[in-house]
Amino acid sequence: MKLSRRSFLSNSCKSCGAMMLAGTIASTLESCNTLAVYKTSLNNNEILVPVAEMLDIQRKIIRASNLEYDILLVKKTEALYTAMVLKCTHEDWLLSAGEKSINCTAHGSVFDFDGKVLVGPAINPLTILQTHINQTNIHIKINN
């Protein structure tokens, strides 16, 4: 069967579009949160995360039902944790934490696990929350 020029171009464009969409979906999925999520709530401007939640892992998403943005909790040592708000400092977009970085799917900003900007357009680091630990819980202070 012989294709007309118009049919050939139309089919080619559809194929290219499908491949581009598949690539976009794949890259979006790569930057989706791949970390475990601990669900909790905010009480008296503080979130408590049991130390046992972080025994065998370095990073966990903390999702409080009464907060707009998730928090990434990063274990630096057994006694030192960093918590940062997963909100892009460029235009307040939700961030996703992967295995290698924290990513903004809206405009492409990338942050490291200390909250520092690796790739713009964001220029400011992520908001770091005060943490302290006792024998049973990691306390994350929420700034209001």
Protein backbone atom coordinates (compact mmCIF):
# COMPACT_ATOMS: atom_id res chain seq x y z
CA MET A 1 0.00 0.00 0.00
CA LYS A 2 1.37 3.35 -1.04
CA LEU A 3 1.13 6.23 1.49
CA SER A 4 0.51 9.74 0.40
CA ARG A 5 2.96 12.38 1.56
CA ARG A 6 0.26 13.81 3.85
CA SER A 7 -0.44 10.40 5.45
CA PHE A 8 3.27 9.71 5.89
CA LEU A 9 3.87 13.06 7.62
CA SER A 10 0.76 12.68 9.77
CA ASN A 11 1.75 9.17 10.92
CA SER A 12 5.35 10.25 11.51
CA CYS A 13 4.26 13.22 13.63
CA LYS A 14 1.94 11.03 15.68
CA SER A 15 4.76 8.54 16.28
CA CYS A 16 7.20 11.27 17.33
CA GLY A 17 4.59 12.81 19.60
CA ALA A 18 3.93 9.46 21.27
CA MET A 19 7.66 8.89 21.83
CA MET A 20 8.08 12.38 23.30
CA LEU A 21 5.12 11.85 25.61
CA ALA A 22 6.53 8.50 26.72
CA GLY A 23 9.89 10.19 27.44
CA THR A 24 8.18 12.95 29.41
CA ILE A 25 6.22 10.44 31.45
CA ALA A 26 9.36 8.39 32.13
CA SER A 27 11.37 11.42 33.25
CA THR A 28 8.47 12.58 35.44
CA LEU A 29 8.22 9.16 37.04
CA GLU A 30 11.96 9.15 37.73
CA SER A 31 11.58 12.33 39.75
CA CYS A 32 8.49 11.17 41.65
CA ASN A 33 8.85 10.46 45.33
CA THR A 34 10.49 7.06 45.61
CA LEU A 35 11.03 7.25 49.35
CA ALA A 36 8.91 5.73 52.07
CA VAL A 37 6.24 7.98 53.58
CA TYR A 38 5.46 8.33 57.28
CA LYS A 39 1.98 9.75 57.85
CA THR A 40 1.30 11.77 60.96
CA SER A 41 -0.17 15.08 62.08
CA LEU A 42 1.05 18.37 63.44
CA ASN A 43 0.46 18.96 67.15
CA ASN A 44 1.47 22.18 68.93
CA ASN A 45 3.69 23.24 66.00
CA GLU A 46 5.64 20.00 66.24
CA ILE A 47 5.78 16.68 64.42
CA LEU A 48 7.01 13.58 66.20
CA VAL A 49 8.60 10.78 64.21
CA PRO A 50 9.54 7.61 66.08
CA VAL A 51 13.29 6.94 65.91
CA ALA A 52 12.40 3.38 64.85
CA GLU A 53 11.06 4.81 61.55
CA MET A 54 14.61 5.81 60.58
CA LEU A 55 16.60 2.81 61.82
CA ASP A 56 17.60 1.32 58.47
CA ILE A 57 17.08 4.25 56.12
CA GLN A 58 18.67 7.63 55.46
CA ARG A 59 15.65 9.58 54.16
CA LYS A 60 11.91 9.52 54.62
CA ILE A 61 8.99 11.68 53.50
CA ILE A 62 6.98 12.99 56.44
CA ARG A 63 3.38 13.75 55.52
CA ALA A 64 1.32 15.60 58.11
CA SER A 65 -2.38 15.68 57.28
CA ASN A 66 -2.67 19.29 58.40
CA LEU A 67 0.35 20.66 56.48
CA GLU A 68 0.28 21.84 52.87
CA TYR A 69 3.75 20.51 51.98
CA ASP A 70 5.55 17.28 52.84
CA ILE A 71 8.78 17.32 54.82
CA LEU A 72 11.91 15.38 53.94
CA LEU A 73 13.67 13.96 56.98
CA VAL A 74 17.34 13.14 56.37
CA LYS A 75 19.47 11.14 58.81
CA LYS A 76 22.99 12.61 58.95
CA THR A 77 24.10 10.51 61.95
CA GLU A 78 22.26 8.49 64.58
CA ALA A 79 21.88 11.68 66.61
CA LEU A 80 21.58 14.32 63.88
CA TYR A 81 18.68 14.83 61.48
CA THR A 82 17.81 17.51 58.95
CA ALA A 83 14.21 18.26 58.04
CA MET A 84 13.30 20.41 55.05
CA VAL A 85 10.04 21.56 53.53
CA LEU A 86 9.43 20.06 50.09
CA LYS A 87 8.36 23.38 48.60
CA CYS A 88 10.33 24.89 45.74
CA THR A 89 11.78 28.28 46.58
CA HIS A 90 11.32 29.41 42.98
CA GLU A 91 7.52 29.42 42.77
CA ASP A 92 6.24 27.39 45.77
CA TRP A 93 5.75 24.21 43.74
CA LEU A 94 5.61 20.77 45.38
CA LEU A 95 8.93 18.97 45.25
CA SER A 96 9.62 15.31 44.86
CA ALA A 97 12.42 13.51 46.62
CA GLY A 98 14.21 10.75 44.77
CA GLU A 99 17.19 8.60 45.59
CA LYS A 100 19.75 11.14 44.33
CA SER A 101 18.14 14.58 44.61
CA ILE A 102 15.07 16.69 45.31
CA ASN A 103 13.36 17.83 42.12
CA CYS A 104 10.84 20.40 40.98
CA THR A 105 8.82 19.02 38.09
CA ALA A 106 7.38 22.45 37.27
CA HIS A 107 10.52 24.34 36.25
CA GLY A 108 13.40 21.90 36.70
CA SER A 109 15.09 23.13 39.88
CA VAL A 110 17.15 20.48 41.66
CA PHE A 111 18.25 20.51 45.32
CA ASP A 112 20.63 18.33 47.29
CA PHE A 113 19.81 16.62 50.58
CA ASP A 114 21.08 19.62 52.52
CA GLY A 115 18.50 21.79 50.74
CA LYS A 116 21.08 23.61 48.58
CA VAL A 117 20.24 24.52 44.99
CA LEU A 118 22.08 22.40 42.42
CA VAL A 119 20.15 23.54 39.33
CA GLY A 120 17.99 26.67 38.92
CA PRO A 121 15.85 28.58 38.28
CA ALA A 122 15.53 28.46 42.10
CA ILE A 123 18.26 30.52 43.76
CA ASN A 124 17.38 30.10 47.45
CA PRO A 125 17.89 26.92 49.48
CA LEU A 126 14.98 24.96 50.90
CA THR A 127 13.50 25.87 54.27
CA ILE A 128 15.25 23.85 56.99
CA LEU A 129 13.25 23.05 60.10
CA GLN A 130 14.66 22.74 63.59
CA THR A 131 14.98 19.15 64.81
CA HIS A 132 16.05 17.44 67.99
CA ILE A 133 16.00 13.85 69.12
CA ASN A 134 15.33 12.01 72.33
CA GLN A 135 15.39 8.26 73.00
CA THR A 136 12.08 7.57 71.27
CA ASN A 137 11.24 10.43 68.87
CA ILE A 138 12.65 12.86 66.38
CA HIS A 139 10.99 16.23 66.99
CA ILE A 140 10.47 18.54 64.02
CA LYS A 141 9.53 22.11 64.89
CA ILE A 142 7.23 23.76 62.36
CA ASN A 143 7.73 27.50 61.92
CA ASN A 144 4.48 29.43 61.62
